[in-house]
Amino acid sequence: MINSYETKDQQYELIRRYSVTGSRRFSNYWWASVIFLGSSGFLLTGISSYLSLNLLPFIHFENIIFFPQGLVMCFYGILGLLFSIYLWLTVFWSVGGGFNEFNKKNGTVRIFRWGFPGKNRRIDLSYNIKDIESIKVELKEGLNPKRTIYLCVKGKRDIPITRIGQPMTLEEIEKQAAELAKFLQVSLVLVD
C-alpha cells in the first residue's frame, strides 16, 4: 500500500514485482484439452469393440477386434486420460506460478512460487539485497533455445527467476536483466 507521502513513481523506484505465469499458459490448456479429447476417443473406441456397441457415431466397432486392437486402444485411452488429468491439475494448482519481488524499502528480495499440494506447496525464498552479487543471463541458441535470468546470491546456488517453458525474446530478456541489474546496482553477467 502506498502511504500518503509516496507517489506511484517513488514506490516503483523502491519496489519492483515481476509476476511469473507458471503452468497457466495457453499451451497447457491446449494440450490438456487435445489429449483429453484424443484419449477419450481411444477409450470409447476400445470399449465399443468390447461391448459390440457404437458409442461413437463415426467409429464402427465391426472394424475393430477387441483383442488385441480394442485392448490396446483402451490402454492408450487410459494413459492419455491420466496424463490429461495431470496437466489439468497443474493448471488448476498454478504450479510454477508466483512472483519475484525486489524491495529496496525493506532491503529484501523475495522469490515466491506455487508447487504441488503438500507440505512444501509454497516455495518462498527471501534474501537480503546486500547478498546479491550479480544478475546472470544464460543464452543457449539452437533447436531448443534457453534464455534464463539468474540471481547470483553470496554462498548460494544461482536462482532462476524467469518463467519456464516459453523462452523470452532476446529483447525482453535483455531489457529485464538490464533493468534489474540497474535497480539492484549489481553487475550483469552474460553466459553463452
N, C-alpha and C. Protein backbone atom coordinates (compact mmCIF):
# COMPACT_ATOMS: atom_id res chain seq x y z
N MET A 1 0.84 -1.18 0.00
CA MET A 1 0.00 0.00 0.00
C MET A 1 0.89 1.24 0.00
N ILE A 2 0.52 2.20 -0.78
CA ILE A 2 1.28 3.44 -0.90
C ILE A 2 0.80 4.40 0.18
N ASN A 3 1.76 4.90 1.00
CA ASN A 3 1.32 5.86 2.01
C ASN A 3 1.14 7.22 1.36
N SER A 4 0.60 8.17 2.09
CA SER A 4 0.23 9.46 1.52
C SER A 4 1.43 10.29 1.08
N TYR A 5 2.62 9.95 1.55
CA TYR A 5 3.80 10.73 1.21
C TYR A 5 4.53 10.21 -0.02
N GLU A 6 4.15 9.05 -0.52
CA GLU A 6 4.85 8.46 -1.66
C GLU A 6 3.94 8.42 -2.88
N THR A 7 4.47 8.82 -4.01
CA THR A 7 3.72 8.70 -5.26
C THR A 7 3.99 7.32 -5.83
N LYS A 8 3.25 6.96 -6.89
CA LYS A 8 3.45 5.66 -7.53
C LYS A 8 4.84 5.55 -8.13
N ASP A 9 5.37 6.65 -8.68
CA ASP A 9 6.72 6.62 -9.25
C ASP A 9 7.77 6.36 -8.18
N GLN A 10 7.61 6.99 -7.02
CA GLN A 10 8.54 6.76 -5.92
C GLN A 10 8.44 5.32 -5.43
N GLN A 11 7.22 4.80 -5.38
CA GLN A 11 7.01 3.41 -4.97
C GLN A 11 7.69 2.47 -5.95
N TYR A 12 7.57 2.76 -7.27
CA TYR A 12 8.19 1.92 -8.30
C TYR A 12 9.71 1.97 -8.18
N GLU A 13 10.25 3.07 -7.73
CA GLU A 13 11.70 3.17 -7.54
C GLU A 13 12.17 2.35 -6.35
N LEU A 14 11.28 2.04 -5.44
CA LEU A 14 11.66 1.27 -4.25
C LEU A 14 11.31 -0.21 -4.35
N ILE A 15 10.23 -0.56 -5.07
CA ILE A 15 9.76 -1.94 -5.12
C ILE A 15 9.49 -2.33 -6.57
N ARG A 16 10.06 -3.44 -6.99
CA ARG A 16 9.77 -3.99 -8.32
C ARG A 16 9.22 -5.39 -8.11
N ARG A 17 8.13 -5.69 -8.80
CA ARG A 17 7.50 -7.00 -8.67
C ARG A 17 7.19 -7.53 -10.06
N TYR A 18 7.73 -8.70 -10.37
CA TYR A 18 7.52 -9.34 -11.66
C TYR A 18 6.72 -10.62 -11.43
N SER A 19 5.59 -10.74 -12.11
CA SER A 19 4.80 -11.96 -11.94
C SER A 19 5.32 -13.05 -12.88
N VAL A 20 5.18 -14.30 -12.46
CA VAL A 20 5.61 -15.46 -13.24
C VAL A 20 4.37 -16.31 -13.49
N THR A 21 4.09 -16.60 -14.76
CA THR A 21 2.87 -17.29 -15.15
C THR A 21 2.79 -18.72 -14.64
N GLY A 22 3.84 -19.48 -14.79
CA GLY A 22 3.81 -20.88 -14.37
C GLY A 22 3.06 -21.75 -15.36
N SER A 23 2.27 -22.68 -14.86
CA SER A 23 1.61 -23.64 -15.73
C SER A 23 0.32 -23.12 -16.36
N ARG A 24 -0.13 -21.96 -16.00
CA ARG A 24 -1.37 -21.41 -16.58
C ARG A 24 -1.07 -20.67 -17.89
N ARG A 25 -0.52 -21.42 -18.82
CA ARG A 25 -0.20 -20.89 -20.14
C ARG A 25 -1.18 -21.48 -21.15
N PHE A 26 -1.37 -20.79 -22.26
CA PHE A 26 -2.28 -21.24 -23.30
C PHE A 26 -1.91 -22.63 -23.79
N SER A 27 -0.61 -22.90 -23.94
CA SER A 27 -0.18 -24.20 -24.46
C SER A 27 -0.61 -25.35 -23.55
N ASN A 28 -0.59 -25.14 -22.24
CA ASN A 28 -1.03 -26.20 -21.33
C ASN A 28 -2.53 -26.43 -21.42
N TYR A 29 -3.32 -25.36 -21.55
CA TYR A 29 -4.76 -25.53 -21.76
C TYR A 29 -5.02 -26.29 -23.05
N TRP A 30 -4.30 -25.89 -24.11
CA TRP A 30 -4.46 -26.52 -25.42
C TRP A 30 -4.14 -28.01 -25.36
N TRP A 31 -2.95 -28.36 -24.86
CA TRP A 31 -2.54 -29.78 -24.85
C TRP A 31 -3.39 -30.62 -23.91
N ALA A 32 -3.79 -30.07 -22.77
CA ALA A 32 -4.66 -30.82 -21.87
C ALA A 32 -5.99 -31.14 -22.54
N SER A 33 -6.53 -30.18 -23.30
CA SER A 33 -7.80 -30.40 -24.00
C SER A 33 -7.65 -31.40 -25.13
N VAL A 34 -6.61 -31.24 -25.95
CA VAL A 34 -6.39 -32.13 -27.09
C VAL A 34 -6.15 -33.56 -26.61
N ILE A 35 -5.33 -33.73 -25.60
CA ILE A 35 -5.04 -35.08 -25.08
C ILE A 35 -6.28 -35.69 -24.46
N PHE A 36 -7.08 -34.88 -23.76
CA PHE A 36 -8.33 -35.39 -23.19
C PHE A 36 -9.27 -35.90 -24.28
N LEU A 37 -9.46 -35.09 -25.32
CA LEU A 37 -10.37 -35.50 -26.40
C LEU A 37 -9.85 -36.74 -27.14
N GLY A 38 -8.56 -36.75 -27.45
CA GLY A 38 -7.98 -37.89 -28.16
C GLY A 38 -8.03 -39.17 -27.34
N SER A 39 -7.66 -39.08 -26.08
CA SER A 39 -7.65 -40.28 -25.25
C SER A 39 -9.08 -40.77 -24.96
N SER A 40 -10.03 -39.84 -24.85
CA SER A 40 -11.43 -40.25 -24.69
C SER A 40 -11.90 -41.03 -25.91
N GLY A 41 -11.50 -40.56 -27.09
CA GLY A 41 -11.85 -41.26 -28.32
C GLY A 41 -11.26 -42.67 -28.36
N PHE A 42 -10.00 -42.80 -27.96
CA PHE A 42 -9.36 -44.12 -27.92
C PHE A 42 -10.08 -45.04 -26.94
N LEU A 43 -10.36 -44.53 -25.74
CA LEU A 43 -11.01 -45.35 -24.72
C LEU A 43 -12.41 -45.77 -25.15
N LEU A 44 -13.19 -44.83 -25.68
CA LEU A 44 -14.55 -45.18 -26.12
C LEU A 44 -14.54 -46.15 -27.30
N THR A 45 -13.55 -46.04 -28.17
CA THR A 45 -13.44 -46.98 -29.29
C THR A 45 -13.11 -48.38 -28.78
N GLY A 46 -12.19 -48.46 -27.83
CA GLY A 46 -11.85 -49.76 -27.24
C GLY A 46 -13.03 -50.38 -26.52
N ILE A 47 -13.78 -49.57 -25.77
CA ILE A 47 -14.96 -50.08 -25.06
C ILE A 47 -16.04 -50.49 -26.06
N SER A 48 -16.19 -49.73 -27.15
CA SER A 48 -17.17 -50.07 -28.20
C SER A 48 -16.86 -51.45 -28.79
N SER A 49 -15.58 -51.72 -29.03
CA SER A 49 -15.22 -53.02 -29.60
C SER A 49 -15.49 -54.15 -28.61
N TYR A 50 -15.37 -53.89 -27.32
CA TYR A 50 -15.63 -54.91 -26.30
C TYR A 50 -17.13 -55.17 -26.16
N LEU A 51 -17.92 -54.07 -26.14
CA LEU A 51 -19.37 -54.21 -25.94
C LEU A 51 -20.13 -54.52 -27.23
N SER A 52 -19.45 -54.44 -28.37
CA SER A 52 -20.09 -54.58 -29.68
C SER A 52 -21.25 -53.59 -29.82
N LEU A 53 -20.95 -52.36 -29.47
CA LEU A 53 -21.94 -51.28 -29.47
C LEU A 53 -21.23 -50.00 -29.92
N ASN A 54 -21.85 -49.24 -30.82
CA ASN A 54 -21.24 -48.00 -31.29
C ASN A 54 -21.45 -46.87 -30.28
N LEU A 55 -20.44 -46.59 -29.47
CA LEU A 55 -20.51 -45.47 -28.52
C LEU A 55 -20.17 -44.15 -29.21
N LEU A 56 -19.41 -44.23 -30.29
CA LEU A 56 -19.09 -43.05 -31.09
C LEU A 56 -19.72 -43.22 -32.46
N PRO A 57 -20.47 -42.26 -32.95
CA PRO A 57 -21.20 -42.43 -34.21
C PRO A 57 -20.30 -42.57 -35.44
N PHE A 58 -19.08 -42.08 -35.38
CA PHE A 58 -18.21 -42.12 -36.55
C PHE A 58 -17.22 -43.29 -36.53
N ILE A 59 -17.25 -44.12 -35.51
CA ILE A 59 -16.40 -45.31 -35.44
C ILE A 59 -17.31 -46.53 -35.42
N HIS A 60 -17.00 -47.50 -36.28
CA HIS A 60 -17.79 -48.73 -36.32
C HIS A 60 -16.99 -49.85 -35.67
N PHE A 61 -17.56 -50.41 -34.60
CA PHE A 61 -16.87 -51.44 -33.82
C PHE A 61 -16.60 -52.70 -34.64
N GLU A 62 -17.34 -52.90 -35.73
CA GLU A 62 -17.14 -54.11 -36.53
C GLU A 62 -15.74 -54.16 -37.13
N ASN A 63 -15.14 -53.01 -37.33
CA ASN A 63 -13.81 -52.93 -37.94
C ASN A 63 -12.69 -53.17 -36.93
N ILE A 64 -13.02 -53.21 -35.65
CA ILE A 64 -12.00 -53.34 -34.61
C ILE A 64 -12.30 -54.56 -33.75
N ILE A 65 -11.35 -55.46 -33.70
CA ILE A 65 -11.45 -56.65 -32.85
C ILE A 65 -10.94 -56.26 -31.47
N PHE A 66 -11.65 -56.69 -30.40
CA PHE A 66 -11.25 -56.27 -29.07
C PHE A 66 -9.84 -56.75 -28.71
N PHE A 67 -9.54 -58.01 -29.00
CA PHE A 67 -8.20 -58.48 -28.69
C PHE A 67 -7.42 -58.64 -29.98
N PRO A 68 -6.39 -57.92 -30.23
CA PRO A 68 -5.60 -57.01 -29.40
C PRO A 68 -5.90 -55.53 -29.62
N GLN A 69 -6.54 -55.13 -30.76
CA GLN A 69 -6.67 -53.71 -31.08
C GLN A 69 -7.49 -52.94 -30.04
N GLY A 70 -8.65 -53.43 -29.68
CA GLY A 70 -9.50 -52.74 -28.72
C GLY A 70 -8.86 -52.62 -27.35
N LEU A 71 -8.18 -53.69 -26.94
CA LEU A 71 -7.49 -53.68 -25.64
C LEU A 71 -6.38 -52.63 -25.62
N VAL A 72 -5.61 -52.56 -26.70
CA VAL A 72 -4.53 -51.58 -26.79
C VAL A 72 -5.11 -50.16 -26.82
N MET A 73 -6.22 -49.98 -27.53
CA MET A 73 -6.85 -48.66 -27.57
C MET A 73 -7.35 -48.25 -26.18
N CYS A 74 -7.89 -49.18 -25.42
CA CYS A 74 -8.30 -48.88 -24.04
C CYS A 74 -7.10 -48.48 -23.19
N PHE A 75 -6.00 -49.21 -23.37
CA PHE A 75 -4.77 -48.92 -22.61
C PHE A 75 -4.27 -47.51 -22.92
N TYR A 76 -4.17 -47.17 -24.22
CA TYR A 76 -3.72 -45.83 -24.60
C TYR A 76 -4.71 -44.76 -24.15
N GLY A 77 -5.99 -45.06 -24.20
CA GLY A 77 -7.00 -44.11 -23.75
C GLY A 77 -6.87 -43.81 -22.26
N ILE A 78 -6.65 -44.84 -21.47
CA ILE A 78 -6.48 -44.65 -20.02
C ILE A 78 -5.22 -43.85 -19.72
N LEU A 79 -4.11 -44.20 -20.40
CA LEU A 79 -2.86 -43.45 -20.20
C LEU A 79 -3.04 -41.98 -20.58
N GLY A 80 -3.70 -41.73 -21.71
CA GLY A 80 -3.95 -40.36 -22.14
C GLY A 80 -4.81 -39.59 -21.17
N LEU A 81 -5.85 -40.24 -20.65
CA LEU A 81 -6.71 -39.57 -19.66
C LEU A 81 -5.94 -39.23 -18.39
N LEU A 82 -5.08 -40.14 -17.94
CA LEU A 82 -4.27 -39.86 -16.75
C LEU A 82 -3.33 -38.68 -16.99
N PHE A 83 -2.71 -38.65 -18.16
CA PHE A 83 -1.81 -37.53 -18.48
C PHE A 83 -2.60 -36.22 -18.60
N SER A 84 -3.78 -36.27 -19.19
CA SER A 84 -4.62 -35.09 -19.30
C SER A 84 -5.04 -34.58 -17.92
N ILE A 85 -5.41 -35.49 -17.04
CA ILE A 85 -5.78 -35.10 -15.67
C ILE A 85 -4.60 -34.44 -14.97
N TYR A 86 -3.40 -35.00 -15.16
CA TYR A 86 -2.19 -34.40 -14.58
C TYR A 86 -1.99 -32.97 -15.08
N LEU A 87 -2.13 -32.76 -16.40
CA LEU A 87 -1.97 -31.41 -16.95
C LEU A 87 -3.03 -30.45 -16.41
N TRP A 88 -4.29 -30.91 -16.34
CA TRP A 88 -5.35 -30.05 -15.81
C TRP A 88 -5.10 -29.70 -14.34
N LEU A 89 -4.59 -30.65 -13.57
CA LEU A 89 -4.32 -30.36 -12.16
C LEU A 89 -3.18 -29.36 -12.00
N THR A 90 -2.13 -29.47 -12.83
CA THR A 90 -1.04 -28.48 -12.74
C THR A 90 -1.54 -27.09 -13.10
N VAL A 91 -2.46 -27.01 -14.07
CA VAL A 91 -3.06 -25.71 -14.42
C VAL A 91 -3.93 -25.22 -13.26
N PHE A 92 -4.76 -26.08 -12.72
CA PHE A 92 -5.65 -25.71 -11.61
C PHE A 92 -4.86 -25.23 -10.40
N TRP A 93 -3.78 -25.95 -10.06
CA TRP A 93 -2.97 -25.59 -8.90
C TRP A 93 -1.98 -24.46 -9.20
N SER A 94 -1.88 -24.05 -10.46
CA SER A 94 -0.96 -22.98 -10.89
C SER A 94 0.48 -23.30 -10.49
N VAL A 95 0.90 -24.51 -10.75
CA VAL A 95 2.26 -24.95 -10.40
C VAL A 95 3.27 -24.10 -11.16
N GLY A 96 4.24 -23.57 -10.45
CA GLY A 96 5.28 -22.74 -11.05
C GLY A 96 4.93 -21.26 -11.11
N GLY A 97 3.69 -20.92 -10.82
CA GLY A 97 3.28 -19.53 -10.84
C GLY A 97 3.72 -18.82 -9.57
N GLY A 98 3.87 -17.53 -9.65
CA GLY A 98 4.27 -16.77 -8.47
C GLY A 98 4.77 -15.39 -8.86
N PHE A 99 5.78 -14.92 -8.13
CA PHE A 99 6.33 -13.59 -8.41
C PHE A 99 7.75 -13.49 -7.89
N ASN A 100 8.44 -12.48 -8.40
CA ASN A 100 9.76 -12.08 -7.90
C ASN A 100 9.61 -10.63 -7.42
N GLU A 101 9.93 -10.39 -6.17
CA GLU A 101 9.79 -9.03 -5.63
C GLU A 101 11.14 -8.53 -5.15
N PHE A 102 11.50 -7.36 -5.63
CA PHE A 102 12.76 -6.72 -5.25
C PHE A 102 12.38 -5.44 -4.51
N ASN A 103 12.62 -5.41 -3.19
CA ASN A 103 12.12 -4.36 -2.33
C ASN A 103 13.29 -3.62 -1.67
N LYS A 104 13.60 -2.43 -2.19
CA LYS A 104 14.67 -1.62 -1.59
C LYS A 104 14.24 -1.01 -0.27
N LYS A 105 12.94 -0.84 -0.11
CA LYS A 105 12.41 -0.25 1.11
C LYS A 105 12.74 -1.12 2.32
N ASN A 106 12.52 -2.45 2.17
CA ASN A 106 12.82 -3.40 3.25
C ASN A 106 14.22 -4.00 3.11
N GLY A 107 14.85 -3.80 1.96
CA GLY A 107 16.18 -4.38 1.73
C GLY A 107 16.13 -5.88 1.47
N THR A 108 15.02 -6.36 0.85
CA THR A 108 14.88 -7.81 0.64
C THR A 108 14.55 -8.13 -0.81
N VAL A 109 14.88 -9.37 -1.16
CA VAL A 109 14.48 -9.95 -2.43
C VAL A 109 13.65 -11.17 -2.07
N ARG A 110 12.45 -11.27 -2.64
CA ARG A 110 11.56 -12.39 -2.33
C ARG A 110 11.19 -13.10 -3.62
N ILE A 111 11.40 -14.40 -3.64
CA ILE A 111 11.04 -15.23 -4.79
C ILE A 111 9.99 -16.22 -4.30
N PHE A 112 8.79 -16.11 -4.88
CA PHE A 112 7.68 -16.95 -4.44
C PHE A 112 7.15 -17.76 -5.62
N ARG A 113 6.95 -19.07 -5.40
CA ARG A 113 6.36 -19.94 -6.42
C ARG A 113 5.39 -20.91 -5.74
N TRP A 114 4.36 -21.31 -6.51
CA TRP A 114 3.45 -22.36 -6.07
C TRP A 114 3.98 -23.69 -6.58
N GLY A 115 3.95 -24.72 -5.74
CA GLY A 115 4.34 -26.06 -6.13
C GLY A 115 3.14 -26.98 -6.10
N PHE A 116 3.40 -28.27 -6.09
CA PHE A 116 2.33 -29.25 -5.99
C PHE A 116 1.81 -29.29 -4.55
N PRO A 117 0.54 -29.66 -4.34
CA PRO A 117 -0.02 -29.72 -2.99
C PRO A 117 0.80 -30.63 -2.08
N GLY A 118 0.88 -30.24 -0.86
CA GLY A 118 1.64 -30.97 0.14
C GLY A 118 2.23 -29.98 1.12
N LYS A 119 3.13 -30.46 1.94
CA LYS A 119 3.69 -29.57 2.96
C LYS A 119 4.63 -28.52 2.37
N ASN A 120 5.16 -28.75 1.18
CA ASN A 120 6.05 -27.78 0.54
C ASN A 120 5.39 -27.09 -0.65
N ARG A 121 4.09 -26.88 -0.59
CA ARG A 121 3.37 -26.25 -1.71
C ARG A 121 3.85 -24.83 -1.96
N ARG A 122 4.10 -24.10 -0.90
CA ARG A 122 4.56 -22.71 -1.01
C ARG A 122 6.08 -22.68 -1.00
N ILE A 123 6.66 -22.21 -2.08
CA ILE A 123 8.11 -22.05 -2.15
C ILE A 123 8.36 -20.55 -2.02
N ASP A 124 8.88 -20.15 -0.89
CA ASP A 124 9.03 -18.74 -0.57
C ASP A 124 10.46 -18.49 -0.09
N LEU A 125 11.27 -17.92 -0.98
CA LEU A 125 12.68 -17.65 -0.67
C LEU A 125 12.84 -16.16 -0.45
N SER A 126 13.61 -15.79 0.57
CA SER A 126 13.84 -14.38 0.86
C SER A 126 15.32 -14.18 1.13
N TYR A 127 15.88 -13.14 0.53
CA TYR A 127 17.31 -12.83 0.68
C TYR A 127 17.47 -11.34 0.92
N ASN A 128 18.58 -10.99 1.52
CA ASN A 128 18.93 -9.59 1.73
C ASN A 128 19.49 -9.04 0.42
N ILE A 129 19.11 -7.84 0.06
CA ILE A 129 19.60 -7.24 -1.18
C ILE A 129 21.13 -7.12 -1.17
N LYS A 130 21.72 -6.92 0.00
CA LYS A 130 23.18 -6.80 0.10
C LYS A 130 23.90 -8.10 -0.27
N ASP A 131 23.17 -9.24 -0.20
CA ASP A 131 23.78 -10.53 -0.52
C ASP A 131 23.74 -10.85 -2.02
N ILE A 132 23.12 -10.01 -2.81
CA ILE A 132 23.03 -10.24 -4.25
C ILE A 132 24.35 -9.79 -4.89
N GLU A 133 25.03 -10.74 -5.54
CA GLU A 133 26.32 -10.42 -6.17
C GLU A 133 26.15 -9.88 -7.59
N SER A 134 25.27 -10.52 -8.37
CA SER A 134 25.10 -10.11 -9.76
C SER A 134 23.82 -10.72 -10.34
N ILE A 135 23.52 -10.27 -11.54
CA ILE A 135 22.44 -10.85 -12.34
C ILE A 135 23.14 -11.55 -13.50
N LYS A 136 22.83 -12.83 -13.69
CA LYS A 136 23.48 -13.60 -14.75
C LYS A 136 22.44 -13.97 -15.80
N VAL A 137 22.80 -13.79 -17.06
CA VAL A 137 21.93 -14.14 -18.18
C VAL A 137 22.59 -15.28 -18.94
N GLU A 138 21.86 -16.39 -19.08
CA GLU A 138 22.36 -17.55 -19.81
C GLU A 138 21.59 -17.67 -21.13
N LEU A 139 22.34 -17.65 -22.22
CA LEU A 139 21.74 -17.76 -23.55
C LEU A 139 22.30 -18.97 -24.26
N LYS A 140 21.42 -19.88 -24.66
CA LYS A 140 21.80 -21.04 -25.46
C LYS A 140 20.86 -21.09 -26.64
N GLU A 141 21.40 -20.93 -27.82
CA GLU A 141 20.60 -20.95 -29.04
C GLU A 141 20.62 -22.35 -29.63
N GLY A 142 19.80 -22.58 -30.61
CA GLY A 142 19.74 -23.88 -31.28
C GLY A 142 18.31 -24.36 -31.38
N LEU A 143 18.17 -25.68 -31.49
CA LEU A 143 16.85 -26.28 -31.65
C LEU A 143 15.95 -26.03 -30.44
N ASN A 144 16.54 -26.10 -29.25
CA ASN A 144 15.80 -25.85 -28.01
C ASN A 144 16.47 -24.70 -27.27
N PRO A 145 16.13 -23.44 -27.64
CA PRO A 145 16.83 -22.31 -27.04
C PRO A 145 16.53 -22.16 -25.55
N LYS A 146 17.55 -21.71 -24.82
CA LYS A 146 17.39 -21.48 -23.38
C LYS A 146 17.85 -20.07 -23.08
N ARG A 147 16.94 -19.29 -22.55
CA ARG A 147 17.23 -17.90 -22.20
C ARG A 147 16.73 -17.69 -20.78
N THR A 148 17.67 -17.64 -19.85
CA THR A 148 17.31 -17.60 -18.43
C THR A 148 18.06 -16.49 -17.71
N ILE A 149 17.37 -15.83 -16.80
CA ILE A 149 17.99 -14.84 -15.92
C ILE A 149 18.15 -15.49 -14.55
N TYR A 150 19.36 -15.41 -14.00
CA TYR A 150 19.66 -15.97 -12.68
C TYR A 150 20.00 -14.86 -11.71
N LEU A 151 19.63 -15.07 -10.46
CA LEU A 151 20.01 -14.19 -9.37
C LEU A 151 21.18 -14.86 -8.66
N CYS A 152 22.34 -14.22 -8.65
CA CYS A 152 23.53 -14.80 -8.00
C CYS A 152 23.63 -14.26 -6.58
N VAL A 153 23.48 -15.15 -5.62
CA VAL A 153 23.47 -14.78 -4.20
C VAL A 153 24.73 -15.33 -3.55
N LYS A 154 25.35 -14.55 -2.66
CA LYS A 154 26.58 -14.96 -1.97
C LYS A 154 26.36 -16.26 -1.21
N GLY A 155 27.21 -17.24 -1.47
CA GLY A 155 27.17 -18.51 -0.74
C GLY A 155 26.02 -19.42 -1.12
N LYS A 156 25.26 -19.08 -2.16
CA LYS A 156 24.12 -19.90 -2.59
C LYS A 156 24.27 -20.24 -4.06
N ARG A 157 23.46 -21.21 -4.50
CA ARG A 157 23.41 -21.51 -5.93
C ARG A 157 22.73 -20.37 -6.67
N ASP A 158 22.96 -20.30 -7.98
CA ASP A 158 22.26 -19.31 -8.80
C ASP A 158 20.79 -19.69 -8.87
N ILE A 159 19.92 -18.70 -8.70
CA ILE A 159 18.48 -18.94 -8.63
C ILE A 159 17.82 -18.42 -9.91
N PRO A 160 17.18 -19.31 -10.70
CA PRO A 160 16.50 -18.83 -11.90
C PRO A 160 15.26 -18.01 -11.53
N ILE A 161 15.08 -16.89 -12.20
CA ILE A 161 13.94 -16.03 -11.86
C ILE A 161 13.03 -15.77 -13.06
N THR A 162 13.28 -16.43 -14.18
CA THR A 162 12.41 -16.28 -15.34
C THR A 162 11.46 -17.47 -15.44
N ARG A 163 10.42 -17.29 -16.22
CA ARG A 163 9.44 -18.37 -16.40
C ARG A 163 10.06 -19.52 -17.17
N ILE A 164 9.48 -20.69 -17.00
CA ILE A 164 9.96 -21.90 -17.66
C ILE A 164 9.00 -22.27 -18.77
N GLY A 165 9.50 -22.84 -19.83
CA GLY A 165 8.64 -23.34 -20.89
C GLY A 165 8.72 -22.54 -22.16
N GLN A 166 8.34 -21.27 -22.11
CA GLN A 166 8.38 -20.43 -23.29
C GLN A 166 9.53 -19.45 -23.15
N PRO A 167 10.58 -19.61 -23.98
CA PRO A 167 11.71 -18.69 -23.84
C PRO A 167 11.32 -17.26 -24.21
N MET A 168 11.87 -16.33 -23.49
CA MET A 168 11.63 -14.92 -23.76
C MET A 168 12.43 -14.53 -25.00
N THR A 169 12.01 -13.48 -25.67
CA THR A 169 12.78 -12.98 -26.80
C THR A 169 14.07 -12.35 -26.26
N LEU A 170 15.05 -12.22 -27.13
CA LEU A 170 16.32 -11.62 -26.71
C LEU A 170 16.11 -10.20 -26.21
N GLU A 171 15.22 -9.47 -26.86
CA GLU A 171 14.94 -8.10 -26.45
C GLU A 171 14.32 -8.05 -25.05
N GLU A 172 13.36 -8.95 -24.78
CA GLU A 172 12.71 -8.98 -23.47
C GLU A 172 13.70 -9.34 -22.37
N ILE A 173 14.52 -10.36 -22.63
CA ILE A 173 15.45 -10.81 -21.58
C ILE A 173 16.53 -9.77 -21.34
N GLU A 174 16.98 -9.11 -22.41
CA GLU A 174 17.99 -8.07 -22.26
C GLU A 174 17.44 -6.89 -21.47
N LYS A 175 16.22 -6.48 -21.79
CA LYS A 175 15.60 -5.34 -21.10
C LYS A 175 15.37 -5.65 -19.63
N GLN A 176 14.81 -6.84 -19.34
CA GLN A 176 14.52 -7.18 -17.95
C GLN A 176 15.80 -7.33 -17.12
N ALA A 177 16.80 -8.00 -17.68
CA ALA A 177 18.05 -8.21 -16.93
C ALA A 177 18.77 -6.88 -16.68
N ALA A 178 18.83 -6.01 -17.69
CA ALA A 178 19.50 -4.72 -17.52
C ALA A 178 18.75 -3.85 -16.51
N GLU A 179 17.43 -3.85 -16.59
CA GLU A 179 16.62 -3.07 -15.65
C GLU A 179 16.81 -3.56 -14.22
N LEU A 180 16.85 -4.87 -14.07
CA LEU A 180 17.01 -5.46 -12.74
C LEU A 180 18.40 -5.19 -12.17
N ALA A 181 19.45 -5.34 -13.00
CA ALA A 181 20.81 -5.07 -12.55
C ALA A 181 20.97 -3.60 -12.15
N LYS A 182 20.37 -2.71 -12.92
CA LYS A 182 20.43 -1.29 -12.61
C LYS A 182 19.68 -0.99 -11.31
N PHE A 183 18.50 -1.61 -11.15
CA PHE A 183 17.70 -1.39 -9.94
C PHE A 183 18.44 -1.88 -8.69
N LEU A 184 19.06 -3.05 -8.79
CA LEU A 184 19.77 -3.63 -7.64
C LEU A 184 21.19 -3.08 -7.49
N GLN A 185 21.67 -2.36 -8.51
CA GLN A 185 23.02 -1.81 -8.55
C GLN A 185 24.08 -2.89 -8.39
N VAL A 186 23.91 -3.95 -9.25
CA VAL A 186 24.89 -5.03 -9.30
C VAL A 186 25.31 -5.22 -10.75
N SER A 187 26.35 -6.03 -10.94
CA SER A 187 26.83 -6.26 -12.31
C SER A 187 25.93 -7.24 -13.06
N LEU A 188 26.00 -7.15 -14.38
CA LEU A 188 25.25 -8.02 -15.27
C LEU A 188 26.24 -8.91 -15.99
N VAL A 189 26.05 -10.25 -15.87
CA VAL A 189 26.99 -11.21 -16.45
C VAL A 189 26.27 -11.99 -17.54
N LEU A 190 26.91 -12.12 -18.70
CA LEU A 190 26.35 -12.87 -19.82
C LEU A 190 27.12 -14.17 -20.00
N VAL A 191 26.39 -15.30 -20.04
CA VAL A 191 27.00 -16.61 -20.22
C VAL A 191 26.40 -17.24 -21.48
N ASP A 192 27.28 -17.70 -22.38
CA ASP A 192 26.80 -18.38 -23.60
C ASP A 192 26.80 -19.87 -23.42
